[in-house]
Amino acid sequence: MASSVEGLPFAQRGEEYRRLAAEAMADAESAKSPALKVGFLRMASGWHALAMEAELAAEQQASKHKSLAPVDQRDNRKPSAGER
């Protein structure tokens, strides 16, 4: 892989993995041998799976951050006396 995704936020990792999957699909379309085509298709499938995992992690991370925010920041209202 030419670029490292380790330092990227999960959402950007998903985008990069999808780009790599598309690149592998294009390579599969232009592959001269059936074995190469299958190899590129498997690679595309792996990148696609990583993209889905990264996107799920991004959603979970966003959900976690939202649940950790004070109530008045989550739903734009001030907490009542009983919520404090």
Protein backbone atom coordinates (compact mmCIF):
# COMPACT_ATOMS: atom_id res chain seq x y z
CA MET A 1 0.00 0.00 0.00
CA ALA A 2 1.46 3.34 -1.04
CA SER A 3 -0.10 5.41 1.73
CA SER A 4 -0.51 4.66 5.42
CA VAL A 5 -3.98 4.88 6.91
CA GLU A 6 -2.95 4.19 10.50
CA GLY A 7 -2.97 7.85 11.51
CA LEU A 8 -6.26 8.66 9.81
CA PRO A 9 -9.61 8.93 11.62
CA PHE A 10 -11.85 5.91 10.99
CA ALA A 11 -14.12 7.79 8.56
CA GLN A 12 -11.16 8.75 6.39
CA ARG A 13 -9.80 5.22 6.60
CA GLY A 14 -13.07 3.96 5.14
CA GLU A 15 -12.76 6.38 2.23
CA GLU A 16 -9.18 5.31 1.56
CA TYR A 17 -10.08 1.61 1.73
CA ARG A 18 -12.93 2.19 -0.74
CA ARG A 19 -10.52 3.99 -3.07
CA LEU A 20 -8.15 1.02 -2.88
CA ALA A 21 -11.04 -1.38 -3.53
CA ALA A 22 -11.99 0.58 -6.65
CA GLU A 23 -8.37 0.52 -7.80
CA ALA A 24 -8.23 -3.27 -7.34
CA MET A 25 -11.51 -3.62 -9.28
CA ALA A 26 -10.06 -1.60 -12.15
CA ASP A 27 -6.96 -3.79 -12.10
CA ALA A 28 -9.20 -6.88 -12.22
CA GLU A 29 -11.01 -5.55 -15.27
CA SER A 30 -7.74 -5.09 -17.14
CA ALA A 31 -6.09 -8.29 -15.93
CA LYS A 32 -4.83 -10.50 -18.75
CA SER A 33 -5.16 -13.83 -16.96
CA PRO A 34 -8.06 -15.33 -15.02
CA ALA A 35 -5.76 -15.98 -12.04
CA LEU A 36 -4.75 -12.32 -11.86
CA LYS A 37 -8.37 -11.25 -12.20
CA VAL A 38 -9.39 -13.47 -9.29
CA GLY A 39 -6.49 -12.15 -7.21
CA PHE A 40 -7.49 -8.54 -7.81
CA LEU A 41 -11.14 -9.32 -7.07
CA ARG A 42 -10.14 -10.93 -3.77
CA MET A 43 -8.02 -7.90 -2.97
CA ALA A 44 -10.95 -5.59 -3.75
CA SER A 45 -13.17 -7.69 -1.50
CA GLY A 46 -10.66 -7.38 1.34
CA TRP A 47 -10.41 -3.59 0.94
CA HIS A 48 -14.20 -3.37 0.86
CA ALA A 49 -14.45 -5.39 4.11
CA LEU A 50 -11.89 -3.09 5.76
CA ALA A 51 -13.88 -0.06 4.59
CA MET A 52 -17.04 -1.44 6.18
CA GLU A 53 -15.20 -2.13 9.45
CA ALA A 54 -13.68 1.36 9.50
CA GLU A 55 -17.07 2.97 8.82
CA LEU A 56 -18.67 0.94 11.60
CA ALA A 57 -15.86 1.97 13.97
CA ALA A 58 -16.40 5.61 12.97
CA GLU A 59 -20.13 5.31 13.74
CA GLN A 60 -19.44 3.67 17.09
CA GLN A 61 -16.84 6.31 17.95
CA ALA A 62 -19.25 9.12 17.07
CA SER A 63 -22.00 7.47 19.12
CA LYS A 64 -19.64 7.06 22.07
CA HIS A 65 -18.58 10.71 21.95
CA LYS A 66 -22.20 11.83 21.74
CA SER A 67 -23.18 9.74 24.77
CA LEU A 68 -20.28 11.16 26.79
CA ALA A 69 -21.28 14.77 26.14
CA PRO A 70 -23.23 16.57 28.88
CA VAL A 71 -26.99 16.39 28.41
CA ASP A 72 -27.29 20.05 27.47
CA GLN A 73 -24.83 19.51 24.60
CA ARG A 74 -26.54 16.38 23.31
CA ASP A 75 -30.00 17.78 22.80
CA ASN A 76 -29.47 21.55 23.07
CA ARG A 77 -31.45 22.00 26.27
CA LYS A 78 -30.46 22.78 29.81
CA PRO A 79 -30.67 19.91 32.26
CA SER A 80 -33.51 20.13 34.74
CA ALA A 81 -32.83 20.12 38.48
CA GLY A 82 -33.42 16.35 38.59
CA GLU A 83 -30.90 15.68 35.80
CA ARG A 84 -27.97 17.51 37.39
